[in-house]
C-alpha atoms as a PDB file:
ATOM      1  CA  MET A   1      59.675 -68.807 120.530  1.00  0.00           C
ATOM      2  CA  LYS A   2      60.612 -68.485 124.633  1.00  0.00           C
ATOM      3  CA  LEU A   3      61.053 -71.344 127.061  1.00  0.00           C
ATOM      4  CA  VAL A   4      60.184 -70.663 130.476  1.00  0.00           C
ATOM      5  CA  LYS A   5      61.847 -71.620 133.439  1.00  0.00           C
ATOM      6  CA  GLY A   6      63.935 -75.082 134.367  1.00  0.00           C
ATOM      7  CA  VAL A   7      63.305 -77.338 137.418  1.00  0.00           C
ATOM      8  CA  LYS A   8      64.120 -77.809 140.583  1.00  0.00           C
ATOM      9  CA  THR A   9      67.280 -79.181 141.978  1.00  0.00           C
ATOM     10  CA  PHE A  10      65.212 -82.798 142.285  1.00  0.00           C
ATOM     11  CA  MET A  11      61.881 -83.685 141.967  1.00  0.00           C
ATOM     12  CA  ARG A  12      60.230 -87.860 141.892  1.00  0.00           C
ATOM     13  CA  VAL A  13      58.317 -87.452 138.336  1.00  0.00           C
ATOM     14  CA  LEU A  14      58.210 -86.345 135.066  1.00  0.00           C
ATOM     15  CA  THR A  15      55.338 -85.933 133.298  1.00  0.00           C
ATOM     16  CA  VAL A  16      55.439 -85.445 129.248  1.00  0.00           C
ATOM     17  CA  THR A  17      51.711 -84.030 127.272  1.00  0.00           C
ATOM     18  CA  LEU A  18      53.252 -82.876 124.075  1.00  0.00           C
ATOM     19  CA  ASN A  19      49.727 -81.756 123.284  1.00  0.00           C
ATOM     20  CA  PRO A  20      48.279 -80.008 125.996  1.00  0.00           C
ATOM     21  CA  ALA A  21      44.543 -78.480 126.167  1.00  0.00           C
ATOM     22  CA  LEU A  22      42.481 -76.283 127.888  1.00  0.00           C
ATOM     23  CA  ASP A  23      39.489 -77.909 129.442  1.00  0.00           C
ATOM     24  CA  ARG A  24      36.160 -76.437 129.155  1.00  0.00           C
ATOM     25  CA  GLU A  25      33.695 -78.422 131.412  1.00  0.00           C
ATOM     26  CA  LEU A  26      29.647 -77.716 130.933  1.00  0.00           C
ATOM     27  CA  ILE A  27      27.286 -79.503 132.856  1.00  0.00           C
ATOM     28  CA  LEU A  28      24.457 -79.779 130.864  1.00  0.00           C
ATOM     29  CA  PRO A  29      21.579 -81.658 131.932  1.00  0.00           C
ATOM     30  CA  ASN A  30      18.806 -82.950 129.612  1.00  0.00           C
ATOM     31  CA  PHE A  31      21.515 -81.654 126.303  1.00  0.00           C
ATOM     32  CA  THR A  32      20.205 -82.789 123.245  1.00  0.00           C
ATOM     33  CA  ILE A  33      22.022 -80.927 119.837  1.00  0.00           C
ATOM     34  CA  ASN A  34      20.236 -77.839 117.928  1.00  0.00           C
ATOM     35  CA  SER A  35      18.788 -76.495 120.249  1.00  0.00           C
ATOM     36  CA  LEU A  36      19.532 -73.503 122.488  1.00  0.00           C
ATOM     37  CA  HIS A  37      21.534 -74.121 126.013  1.00  0.00           C
ATOM     38  CA  ARG A  38      21.614 -72.057 128.618  1.00  0.00           C
ATOM     39  CA  LEU A  39      23.421 -73.296 132.241  1.00  0.00           C
ATOM     40  CA  ARG A  40      22.388 -72.636 135.686  1.00  0.00           C
ATOM     41  CA  ASN A  41      24.625 -71.163 137.024  1.00  0.00           C
ATOM     42  CA  PRO A  42      28.633 -69.900 136.282  1.00  0.00           C
ATOM     43  CA  SER A  43      29.683 -73.656 138.679  1.00  0.00           C
ATOM     44  CA  ASP A  44      28.037 -75.726 135.773  1.00  0.00           C
ATOM     45  CA  SER A  45      31.334 -74.258 133.589  1.00  0.00           C
ATOM     46  CA  VAL A  46      34.470 -74.638 134.585  1.00  0.00           C
ATOM     47  CA  MET A  47      38.044 -74.306 132.241  1.00  0.00           C
ATOM     48  CA  THR A  48      41.026 -75.951 133.865  1.00  0.00           C
ATOM     49  CA  PRO A  49      44.563 -76.597 131.610  1.00  0.00           C
ATOM     50  CA  GLY A  50      44.569 -80.169 130.692  1.00  0.00           C
ATOM     51  CA  GLY A  51      46.010 -82.929 128.552  1.00  0.00           C
ATOM     52  CA  LYS A  52      46.200 -86.646 130.100  1.00  0.00           C
ATOM     53  CA  GLY A  53      50.543 -85.709 131.328  1.00  0.00           C
ATOM     54  CA  ILE A  54      49.286 -82.487 132.818  1.00  0.00           C
ATOM     55  CA  ASN A  55      45.809 -83.928 134.843  1.00  0.00           C
ATOM     56  CA  VAL A  56      48.564 -87.172 135.766  1.00  0.00           C
ATOM     57  CA  SER A  57      50.312 -83.901 137.504  1.00  0.00           C
ATOM     58  CA  MET A  58      47.212 -82.502 139.531  1.00  0.00           C
ATOM     59  CA  ILE A  59      46.554 -85.050 140.685  1.00  0.00           C
ATOM     60  CA  LEU A  60      49.858 -86.484 142.483  1.00  0.00           C
ATOM     61  CA  ASP A  61      50.367 -82.748 143.028  1.00  0.00           C
ATOM     62  CA  SER A  62      47.231 -83.341 145.247  1.00  0.00           C
ATOM     63  CA  MET A  63      48.445 -86.610 146.673  1.00  0.00           C
ATOM     64  CA  GLY A  64      51.560 -84.516 147.664  1.00  0.00           C
ATOM     65  CA  ILE A  65      53.951 -86.269 145.327  1.00  0.00           C
ATOM     66  CA  SER A  66      56.115 -83.577 143.737  1.00  0.00           C
ATOM     67  CA  ASN A  67      56.560 -83.326 140.081  1.00  0.00           C
ATOM     68  CA  VAL A  68      57.589 -81.648 136.755  1.00  0.00           C
ATOM     69  CA  ALA A  69      54.594 -81.050 134.235  1.00  0.00           C
ATOM     70  CA  MET A  70      56.912 -80.759 130.397  1.00  0.00           C
ATOM     71  CA  GLY A  71      54.807 -80.412 126.953  1.00  0.00           C
ATOM     72  CA  ILE A  72      54.534 -77.967 124.506  1.00  0.00           C
ATOM     73  CA  LEU A  73      52.316 -74.948 124.074  1.00  0.00           C
ATOM     74  CA  ALA A  74      51.574 -72.353 122.252  1.00  0.00           C
ATOM     75  CA  GLY A  75      49.717 -69.128 122.079  1.00  0.00           C
ATOM     76  CA  TYR A  76      47.196 -66.599 124.568  1.00  0.00           C
ATOM     77  CA  VAL A  77      45.742 -70.795 125.148  1.00  0.00           C
ATOM     78  CA  GLY A  78      48.687 -71.993 125.863  1.00  0.00           C
ATOM     79  CA  ARG A  79      49.459 -68.343 128.471  1.00  0.00           C
ATOM     80  CA  ILE A  80      45.602 -69.221 130.607  1.00  0.00           C
ATOM     81  CA  VAL A  81      47.007 -72.970 130.568  1.00  0.00           C
ATOM     82  CA  GLU A  82      50.265 -72.054 132.599  1.00  0.00           C
ATOM     83  CA  GLU A  83      48.408 -69.737 134.109  1.00  0.00           C
ATOM     84  CA  GLU A  84      45.944 -71.039 135.731  1.00  0.00           C
ATOM     85  CA  LEU A  85      47.888 -74.297 136.155  1.00  0.00           C
ATOM     86  CA  ARG A  86      50.529 -71.937 138.149  1.00  0.00           C
ATOM     87  CA  ARG A  87      47.571 -70.658 140.293  1.00  0.00           C
ATOM     88  CA  LEU A  88      45.943 -74.529 140.765  1.00  0.00           C
ATOM     89  CA  HIS A  89      48.920 -76.200 142.251  1.00  0.00           C
ATOM     90  CA  PRO A  90      51.961 -73.801 142.553  1.00  0.00           C
ATOM     91  CA  ASP A  91      53.853 -76.850 143.964  1.00  0.00           C
ATOM     92  CA  ILE A  92      53.966 -78.236 140.236  1.00  0.00           C
ATOM     93  CA  THR A  93      57.577 -77.183 138.342  1.00  0.00           C
ATOM     94  CA  LEU A  94      56.889 -75.998 134.983  1.00  0.00           C
ATOM     95  CA  ASN A  95      59.002 -76.913 132.364  1.00  0.00           C
ATOM     96  CA  PHE A  96      57.439 -75.435 128.844  1.00  0.00           C
ATOM     97  CA  VAL A  97      58.422 -74.754 125.135  1.00  0.00           C
ATOM     98  CA  TYR A  98      56.011 -72.266 123.317  1.00  0.00           C
ATOM     99  CA  THR A  99      55.429 -72.580 119.397  1.00  0.00           C
ATOM    100  CA  ASP A 100      53.397 -71.051 117.445  1.00  0.00           C
ATOM    101  CA  GLY A 101      49.695 -70.870 116.629  1.00  0.00           C
ATOM    102  CA  GLU A 102      47.615 -72.062 119.754  1.00  0.00           C
ATOM    103  CA  THR A 103      46.928 -75.056 122.492  1.00  0.00           C
ATOM    104  CA  ARG A 104      44.458 -76.195 121.997  1.00  0.00           C
ATOM    105  CA  GLU A 105      40.574 -76.434 124.040  1.00  0.00           C
ATOM    106  CA  ASN A 106      38.746 -79.371 124.351  1.00  0.00           C
ATOM    107  CA  ILE A 107      35.186 -79.217 125.480  1.00  0.00           C
ATOM    108  CA  THR A 108      33.585 -81.590 127.487  1.00  0.00           C
ATOM    109  CA  VAL A 109      29.320 -81.408 127.500  1.00  0.00           C
ATOM    110  CA  ILE A 110      28.439 -83.739 131.147  1.00  0.00           C
ATOM    111  CA  ASP A 111      24.183 -84.470 130.397  1.00  0.00           C
ATOM    112  CA  PRO A 112      23.813 -86.169 134.052  1.00  0.00           C
ATOM    113  CA  MET A 113      20.678 -86.448 133.705  1.00  0.00           C
ATOM    114  CA  ASN A 114      20.905 -88.708 130.309  1.00  0.00           C
ATOM    115  CA  ASP A 115      24.328 -90.133 131.969  1.00  0.00           C
ATOM    116  CA  THR A 116      25.693 -88.873 128.687  1.00  0.00           C
ATOM    117  CA  ILE A 117      29.600 -87.271 128.110  1.00  0.00           C
ATOM    118  CA  THR A 118      30.080 -85.392 124.740  1.00  0.00           C
ATOM    119  CA  GLU A 119      33.231 -84.350 123.753  1.00  0.00           C
ATOM    120  CA  ILE A 120      34.699 -82.204 120.928  1.00  0.00           C
ATOM    121  CA  ASN A 121      38.779 -82.218 120.709  1.00  0.00           C
ATOM    122  CA  SER A 122      41.058 -79.933 118.478  1.00  0.00           C
ATOM    123  CA  PRO A 123      44.326 -80.335 117.236  1.00  0.00           C
ATOM    124  CA  GLY A 124      46.637 -78.574 118.303  1.00  0.00           C
ATOM    125  CA  PRO A 125      49.635 -76.329 117.260  1.00  0.00           C
ATOM    126  CA  LEU A 126      52.070 -77.549 114.229  1.00  0.00           C
ATOM    127  CA  VAL A 127      55.704 -78.003 115.937  1.00  0.00           C
ATOM    128  CA  SER A 128      58.147 -77.308 113.837  1.00  0.00           C
ATOM    129  CA  GLU A 129      61.096 -79.584 114.328  1.00  0.00           C
ATOM    130  CA  ARG A 130      63.579 -76.770 116.082  1.00  0.00           C
ATOM    131  CA  GLU A 131      61.497 -76.348 118.676  1.00  0.00           C
ATOM    132  CA  LEU A 132      60.888 -80.890 118.735  1.00  0.00           C
ATOM    133  CA  GLU A 133      64.948 -80.752 119.215  1.00  0.00           C
ATOM    134  CA  ILE A 134      64.461 -77.813 121.980  1.00  0.00           C
ATOM    135  CA  PHE A 135      62.398 -79.723 123.969  1.00  0.00           C
ATOM    136  CA  TYR A 136      64.510 -82.937 124.043  1.00  0.00           C
ATOM    137  CA  ARG A 137      67.129 -81.391 125.374  1.00  0.00           C
ATOM    138  CA  ARG A 138      65.139 -79.483 127.681  1.00  0.00           C
ATOM    139  CA  TYR A 139      63.694 -83.515 128.536  1.00  0.00           C
ATOM    140  CA  LEU A 140      67.201 -85.157 128.647  1.00  0.00           C
ATOM    141  CA  MET A 141      68.355 -82.113 131.192  1.00  0.00           C
ATOM    142  CA  THR A 142      65.706 -83.011 133.243  1.00  0.00           C
ATOM    143  CA  LEU A 143      65.250 -86.934 133.703  1.00  0.00           C
ATOM    144  CA  PRO A 144      68.513 -86.974 136.144  1.00  0.00           C
ATOM    145  CA  ARG A 145      66.535 -85.446 138.812  1.00  0.00           C
ATOM    146  CA  VAL A 146      63.199 -87.155 138.331  1.00  0.00           C
ATOM    147  CA  GLU A 147      62.803 -91.107 139.277  1.00  0.00           C
ATOM    148  CA  MET A 148      60.264 -91.919 136.721  1.00  0.00           C
ATOM    149  CA  VAL A 149      58.835 -90.636 133.801  1.00  0.00           C
ATOM    150  CA  VAL A 150      55.120 -90.337 132.947  1.00  0.00           C
ATOM    151  CA  ILE A 151      54.226 -89.986 129.138  1.00  0.00           C
ATOM    152  CA  SER A 152      50.220 -89.221 128.467  1.00  0.00           C
ATOM    153  CA  GLY A 153      48.196 -88.535 124.976  1.00  0.00           C
ATOM    154  CA  SER A 154      47.941 -87.580 121.858  1.00  0.00           C
ATOM    155  CA  ALA A 155      51.030 -85.737 119.824  1.00  0.00           C
ATOM    156  CA  PRO A 156      50.202 -82.667 117.975  1.00  0.00           C
ATOM    157  CA  PRO A 157      50.491 -82.140 114.203  1.00  0.00           C
ATOM    158  CA  GLY A 158      54.234 -82.370 113.492  1.00  0.00           C
ATOM    159  CA  VAL A 159      55.288 -84.832 115.931  1.00  0.00           C
ATOM    160  CA  ASP A 160      56.372 -88.183 114.209  1.00  0.00           C
ATOM    161  CA  GLU A 161      56.209 -92.042 115.389  1.00  0.00           C
ATOM    162  CA  GLY A 162      59.376 -92.107 116.219  1.00  0.00           C
ATOM    163  CA  TYR A 163      59.532 -88.971 118.444  1.00  0.00           C
ATOM    164  CA  CYS A 164      58.026 -90.870 121.483  1.00  0.00           C
ATOM    165  CA  LEU A 165      59.990 -93.925 120.907  1.00  0.00           C
ATOM    166  CA  LYS A 166      62.657 -91.766 121.106  1.00  0.00           C
ATOM    167  CA  LEU A 167      61.609 -90.154 124.750  1.00  0.00           C
ATOM    168  CA  VAL A 168      60.774 -93.426 126.134  1.00  0.00           C
ATOM    169  CA  GLY A 169      64.450 -94.727 124.967  1.00  0.00           C
ATOM    170  CA  ALA A 170      66.459 -91.887 127.046  1.00  0.00           C
ATOM    171  CA  ALA A 171      64.533 -92.332 129.983  1.00  0.00           C
ATOM    172  CA  LYS A 172      64.986 -96.141 130.073  1.00  0.00           C
ATOM    173  CA  SER A 173      68.703 -95.660 129.612  1.00  0.00           C
ATOM    174  CA  LYS A 174      68.420 -93.644 132.897  1.00  0.00           C
ATOM    175  CA  GLY A 175      66.981 -96.364 134.264  1.00  0.00           C
ATOM    176  CA  LYS A 176      63.148 -94.182 135.150  1.00  0.00           C
ATOM    177  CA  VAL A 177      60.961 -96.475 134.890  1.00  0.00           C
ATOM    178  CA  VAL A 178      58.549 -95.262 132.042  1.00  0.00           C
ATOM    179  CA  PHE A 179      54.814 -94.841 131.742  1.00  0.00           C
ATOM    180  CA  MET A 180      53.060 -94.033 129.041  1.00  0.00           C
ATOM    181  CA  GLU A 181      49.277 -94.524 128.169  1.00  0.00           C
ATOM    182  CA  SER A 182      47.965 -93.022 124.575  1.00  0.00           C
ATOM    183  CA  ILE A 183      46.499 -94.955 121.929  1.00  0.00           C
ATOM    184  CA  GLY A 184      47.617 -94.629 117.488  1.00  0.00           C
ATOM    185  CA  PRO A 185      50.444 -95.456 115.286  1.00  0.00           C
ATOM    186  CA  PHE A 186      53.318 -93.981 117.488  1.00  0.00           C
ATOM    187  CA  PHE A 187      51.979 -95.993 120.821  1.00  0.00           C
ATOM    188  CA  ASP A 188      52.243 -99.057 118.622  1.00  0.00           C
ATOM    189  CA  ARG A 189      55.803 -98.299 117.783  1.00  0.00           C
ATOM    190  CA  VAL A 190      56.542 -97.911 121.055  1.00  0.00           C
ATOM    191  CA  LEU A 191      55.479-101.046 121.967  1.00  0.00           C
ATOM    192  CA  GLN A 192      57.026-103.341 119.871  1.00  0.00           C
ATOM    193  CA  GLU A 193      60.628-101.139 119.671  1.00  0.00           C
ATOM    194  CA  ASP A 194      61.233 -99.866 123.629  1.00  0.00           C
ATOM    195  CA  CYS A 195      58.200-101.305 125.906  1.00  0.00           C
ATOM    196  CA  PRO A 196      57.716 -99.121 128.726  1.00  0.00           C
ATOM    197  CA  GLN A 197      57.298-100.306 132.108  1.00  0.00           C
ATOM    198  CA  VAL A 198      53.801 -99.541 132.779  1.00  0.00           C
ATOM    199  CA  VAL A 199      52.041 -98.769 129.332  1.00  0.00           C
ATOM    200  CA  ARG A 200      47.440 -98.198 129.067  1.00  0.00           C
ATOM    201  CA  ALA A 201      45.568 -98.317 126.173  1.00  0.00           C
ATOM    202  CA  ASP A 202      44.060 -95.362 126.019  1.00  0.00           C
ATOM    203  CA  LEU A 203      40.848 -96.790 124.260  1.00  0.00           C
ATOM    204  CA  ARG A 204      38.096 -93.852 124.898  1.00  0.00           C
ATOM    205  CA  ARG A 205      37.710 -93.970 121.275  1.00  0.00           C
ATOM    206  CA  GLU A 206      39.995 -96.287 119.463  1.00  0.00           C
ATOM    207  CA  LYS A 207      39.592 -99.579 120.367  1.00  0.00           C
ATOM    208  CA  ARG A 208      42.610-101.089 118.031  1.00  0.00           C
ATOM    209  CA  VAL A 209      46.126-102.068 119.695  1.00  0.00           C
ATOM    210  CA  LEU A 210      49.515-104.017 117.309  1.00  0.00           C
ATOM    211  CA  GLY A 211      46.462-105.126 114.678  1.00  0.00           C
ATOM    212  CA  HIS A 212      44.909-106.967 118.083  1.00  0.00           C
ATOM    213  CA  GLU A 213      41.413-105.333 117.017  1.00  0.00           C
ATOM    214  CA  LEU A 214      39.728-104.743 121.338  1.00  0.00           C
ATOM    215  CA  LYS A 215      35.730-107.219 120.526  1.00  0.00           C
ATOM    216  CA  GLU A 216      34.958-110.124 123.560  1.00  0.00           C
ATOM    217  CA  LEU A 217      37.209-110.509 126.329  1.00  0.00           C
ATOM    218  CA  GLN A 218      39.647-112.924 125.021  1.00  0.00           C
ATOM    219  CA  ASP A 219      41.145-110.245 121.996  1.00  0.00           C
ATOM    220  CA  TYR A 220      41.567-108.171 125.497  1.00  0.00           C
ATOM    221  CA  VAL A 221      42.956-111.657 127.148  1.00  0.00           C
ATOM    222  CA  GLU A 222      45.390-111.735 124.025  1.00  0.00           C
ATOM    223  CA  LEU A 223      46.894-107.905 123.714  1.00  0.00           C
ATOM    224  CA  ALA A 224      47.133-107.879 127.416  1.00  0.00           C
ATOM    225  CA  LYS A 225      49.649-110.753 126.800  1.00  0.00           C
ATOM    226  CA  GLU A 226      50.997-109.926 123.980  1.00  0.00           C
ATOM    227  CA  ILE A 227      51.855-106.289 125.376  1.00  0.00           C
ATOM    228  CA  ARG A 228      53.574-108.338 128.364  1.00  0.00           C
ATOM    229  CA  ARG A 229      55.864-110.270 126.229  1.00  0.00           C
ATOM    230  CA  LEU A 230      57.130-106.777 124.411  1.00  0.00           C
ATOM    231  CA  GLY A 231      58.330-106.157 127.831  1.00  0.00           C
ATOM    232  CA  ALA A 232      55.535-104.232 130.037  1.00  0.00           C
ATOM    233  CA  LYS A 233      55.588-105.867 133.482  1.00  0.00           C
ATOM    234  CA  ALA A 234      51.990-103.678 134.376  1.00  0.00           C
ATOM    235  CA  VAL A 235      49.790-103.633 131.663  1.00  0.00           C
ATOM    236  CA  VAL A 236      46.176-102.291 132.183  1.00  0.00           C
ATOM    237  CA  LEU A 237      42.892-102.261 129.450  1.00  0.00           C
ATOM    238  CA  SER A 238      39.692-100.518 129.985  1.00  0.00           C
ATOM    239  CA  TYR A 239      37.078-103.800 129.338  1.00  0.00           C
ATOM    240  CA  LYS A 240      33.937-102.253 128.795  1.00  0.00           C
ATOM    241  CA  ILE A 241      32.737 -99.447 131.534  1.00  0.00           C
ATOM    242  CA  VAL A 242      32.661-101.142 134.882  1.00  0.00           C
ATOM    243  CA  SER A 243      36.320-103.322 134.558  1.00  0.00           C
ATOM    244  CA  ASP A 244      39.703-103.723 133.248  1.00  0.00           C
ATOM    245  CA  VAL A 245      41.890-106.510 131.800  1.00  0.00           C
ATOM    246  CA  VAL A 246      45.274-106.079 133.574  1.00  0.00           C
ATOM    247  CA  ALA A 247      48.213-107.858 133.455  1.00  0.00           C
ATOM    248  CA  THR A 248      52.034-108.322 135.367  1.00  0.00           C
ATOM    249  CA  GLU A 249      54.309-110.955 135.044  1.00  0.00           C
ATOM    250  CA  GLU A 250      52.430-113.580 137.893  1.00  0.00           C
ATOM    251  CA  GLY A 251      49.115-113.288 135.097  1.00  0.00           C
ATOM    252  CA  VAL A 252      45.929-111.745 134.416  1.00  0.00           C
ATOM    253  CA  TRP A 253      42.629-110.538 136.293  1.00  0.00           C
ATOM    254  CA  LYS A 254      40.405-108.434 135.159  1.00  0.00           C
ATOM    255  CA  PHE A 255      39.106-106.292 137.919  1.00  0.00           C
ATOM    256  CA  THR A 256      35.384-105.453 138.256  1.00  0.00           C
ATOM    257  CA  ILE A 257      33.686-101.950 140.431  1.00  0.00           C
ATOM    258  CA  LYS A 258      31.353-102.881 142.388  1.00  0.00           C
ATOM    259  CA  ASP A 259      29.139-100.412 142.095  1.00  0.00           C
ATOM    260  CA  HIS A 260      26.979 -99.491 139.469  1.00  0.00           C
ATOM    261  CA  VAL A 261      29.030 -97.218 137.165  1.00  0.00           C
ATOM    262  CA  GLU A 262      27.452 -93.312 135.904  1.00  0.00           C
ATOM    263  CA  VAL A 263      29.202 -92.403 132.689  1.00  0.00           C
ATOM    264  CA  SER A 264      29.076 -89.456 132.739  1.00  0.00           C
ATOM    265  CA  HIS A 265      31.434 -89.431 136.330  1.00  0.00           C
ATOM    266  CA  LEU A 266      34.033 -91.528 134.281  1.00  0.00           C
ATOM    267  CA  LEU A 267      36.183 -87.893 133.067  1.00  0.00           C
ATOM    268  CA  GLY A 268      39.616 -88.102 134.146  1.00  0.00           C
ATOM    269  CA  THR A 269      39.465 -92.289 135.640  1.00  0.00           C
ATOM    270  CA  GLY A 270      41.917 -92.356 133.276  1.00  0.00           C
ATOM    271  CA  ASP A 271      44.385 -90.386 134.543  1.00  0.00           C
ATOM    272  CA  ALA A 272      43.635 -90.733 137.800  1.00  0.00           C
ATOM    273  CA  PHE A 273      44.345 -94.623 136.794  1.00  0.00           C
ATOM    274  CA  VAL A 274      48.012 -94.043 136.140  1.00  0.00           C
ATOM    275  CA  ALA A 275      48.535 -91.234 139.225  1.00  0.00           C
ATOM    276  CA  GLY A 276      47.648 -94.171 141.465  1.00  0.00           C
ATOM    277  CA  MET A 277      49.640 -96.570 139.900  1.00  0.00           C
ATOM    278  CA  VAL A 278      52.791 -93.618 140.329  1.00  0.00           C
ATOM    279  CA  TYR A 279      52.126 -93.684 143.838  1.00  0.00           C
ATOM    280  CA  ALA A 280      51.906 -97.571 144.029  1.00  0.00           C
ATOM    281  CA  VAL A 281      55.398 -97.506 142.672  1.00  0.00           C
ATOM    282  CA  LEU A 282      56.676 -95.166 144.655  1.00  0.00           C
ATOM    283  CA  LYS A 283      55.846 -96.943 147.282  1.00  0.00           C
ATOM    284  CA  GLY A 284      57.578 -99.853 146.599  1.00  0.00           C
ATOM    285  CA  LEU A 285      54.908-102.026 146.018  1.00  0.00           C
ATOM    286  CA  SER A 286      54.670-105.208 143.273  1.00  0.00           C
ATOM    287  CA  TYR A 287      54.032-104.827 140.097  1.00  0.00           C
ATOM    288  CA  TYR A 288      50.086-106.726 140.755  1.00  0.00           C
ATOM    289  CA  GLU A 289      49.477-103.760 143.493  1.00  0.00           C
ATOM    290  CA  VAL A 290      50.565-101.709 141.560  1.00  0.00           C
ATOM    291  CA  LEU A 291      47.154-101.926 138.970  1.00  0.00           C
ATOM    292  CA  LYS A 292      45.079-102.337 142.314  1.00  0.00           C
ATOM    293  CA  TYR A 293      46.131 -98.891 143.688  1.00  0.00           C
ATOM    294  CA  GLY A 294      45.497 -97.448 139.973  1.00  0.00           C
ATOM    295  CA  MET A 295      42.374 -99.537 139.751  1.00  0.00           C
ATOM    296  CA  ALA A 296      40.651 -98.043 143.810  1.00  0.00           C
ATOM    297  CA  ALA A 297      41.970 -93.942 142.616  1.00  0.00           C
ATOM    298  CA  ALA A 298      39.674 -94.353 138.999  1.00  0.00           C
ATOM    299  CA  ILE A 299      37.162 -95.517 141.716  1.00  0.00           C
ATOM    300  CA  ALA A 300      37.627 -92.837 143.626  1.00  0.00           C
ATOM    301  CA  GLU A 301      37.212 -90.115 140.441  1.00  0.00           C
ATOM    302  CA  ILE A 302      34.353 -91.991 139.503  1.00  0.00           C
ATOM    303  CA  ARG A 303      32.649 -90.537 143.184  1.00  0.00           C
ATOM    304  CA  HIS A 304      33.002 -87.429 141.199  1.00  0.00           C
ATOM    305  CA  LEU A 305      30.597 -85.508 138.303  1.00  0.00           C
ATOM    306  CA  ARG A 306      34.336 -83.533 137.066  1.00  0.00           C
ATOM    307  CA  LYS A 307      38.055 -83.516 137.542  1.00  0.00           C
ATOM    308  CA  SER A 308      39.274 -83.573 141.071  1.00  0.00           C
ATOM    309  CA  GLU A 309      41.350 -83.461 144.071  1.00  0.00           C
ATOM    310  CA  LEU A 310      42.398 -87.192 144.883  1.00  0.00           C
ATOM    311  CA  SER A 311      43.972 -87.849 148.518  1.00  0.00           C
ATOM    312  CA  ILE A 312      46.499 -90.632 148.815  1.00  0.00           C
ATOM    313  CA  GLU A 313      42.943 -91.562 151.866  1.00  0.00           C
ATOM    314  CA  ASP A 314      40.962 -91.205 148.600  1.00  0.00           C
ATOM    315  CA  MET A 315      42.626 -94.169 146.854  1.00  0.00           C
ATOM    316  CA  GLU A 316      42.847 -95.966 149.696  1.00  0.00           C
ATOM    317  CA  ARG A 317      39.722 -96.134 150.652  1.00  0.00           C
ATOM    318  CA  GLU A 318      38.872 -97.621 147.478  1.00  0.00           C
ATOM    319  CA  LEU A 319      41.110-100.871 147.419  1.00  0.00           C
ATOM    320  CA  GLN A 320      38.275-102.711 148.148  1.00  0.00           C
ATOM    321  CA  SER A 321      35.751-100.893 145.274  1.00  0.00           C
ATOM    322  CA  PHE A 322      36.257-103.449 143.074  1.00  0.00           C
ATOM    323  CA  ASP A 323      36.061-107.209 142.249  1.00  0.00           C
ATOM    324  CA  ILE A 324      39.007-109.059 141.278  1.00  0.00           C
ATOM    325  CA  GLU A 325      39.093-112.562 139.131  1.00  0.00           C
ATOM    326  CA  ARG A 326      41.990-113.952 138.028  1.00  0.00           C
ATOM    327  CA  ILE A 327      42.022-115.528 134.318  1.00  0.00           C
ATOM    328  CA  GLU A 328      45.054-116.940 133.319  1.00  0.00           C
END
């Protein structure tokens, strides 16, 4: 195990990615299973650092927002993730802890002809109690140097449900605004016991949060209201493909994109949504406006086939690209 150098004197945002990945994006028109496919040219295969928090860090950096990325890496793949992140985004401060095993690889096959995305994600390395304790100490040392914390993505094997709760509690006790995007038992526990200020449920696969089975629009509305009652200032729930149900203490709304959405362009939109909200909170906007900036950033990301770098201008250009319907 080794430790990577610490952070600069002050960063605006800390992102936490407990389970980083090396993302491989393949563009294969007319992709079918049980067939031989050949890539047309090198640009149809892209390898980038990944994991939801790292994606947020890269978008924030492209917006000029200083940030430090923390996470747990492992093995040869982990070194590639770190080296590529350092090469592509040298202004991001890296503060990784290494463990044994291998960082996971996520493979995404994008088929623009059939408008599909096929994802194959591996679980990540087994993390020991010792590495988790080292990570937590470094996390506590970093908190005083940032304004807000983004905890995003899945947890690798070896991380129990209480660990993320501990991370959120430590950040909130230091007066930090905490953003969280995830799904699953540890996400539910955080919401119930120490809810972050800004919450986005990752509903790409599982549509069940806090015991709510999400089927009809009203299910999303009731869940958003419950998360608000638990303490969140802003809640985002993706509804179908073109809409999001959002809530603040002022009410519940449905944001719907005006344009046609290509499913094959959805990669990275959730991370862009979080980055847009972070920007708006740093700007001192109300949480309702924060949600609008998140939606605008997600739409800006949809304009691209693969994960992309967004500017503030890209995001602000999309602030009128969606309809707003008040539900309650």
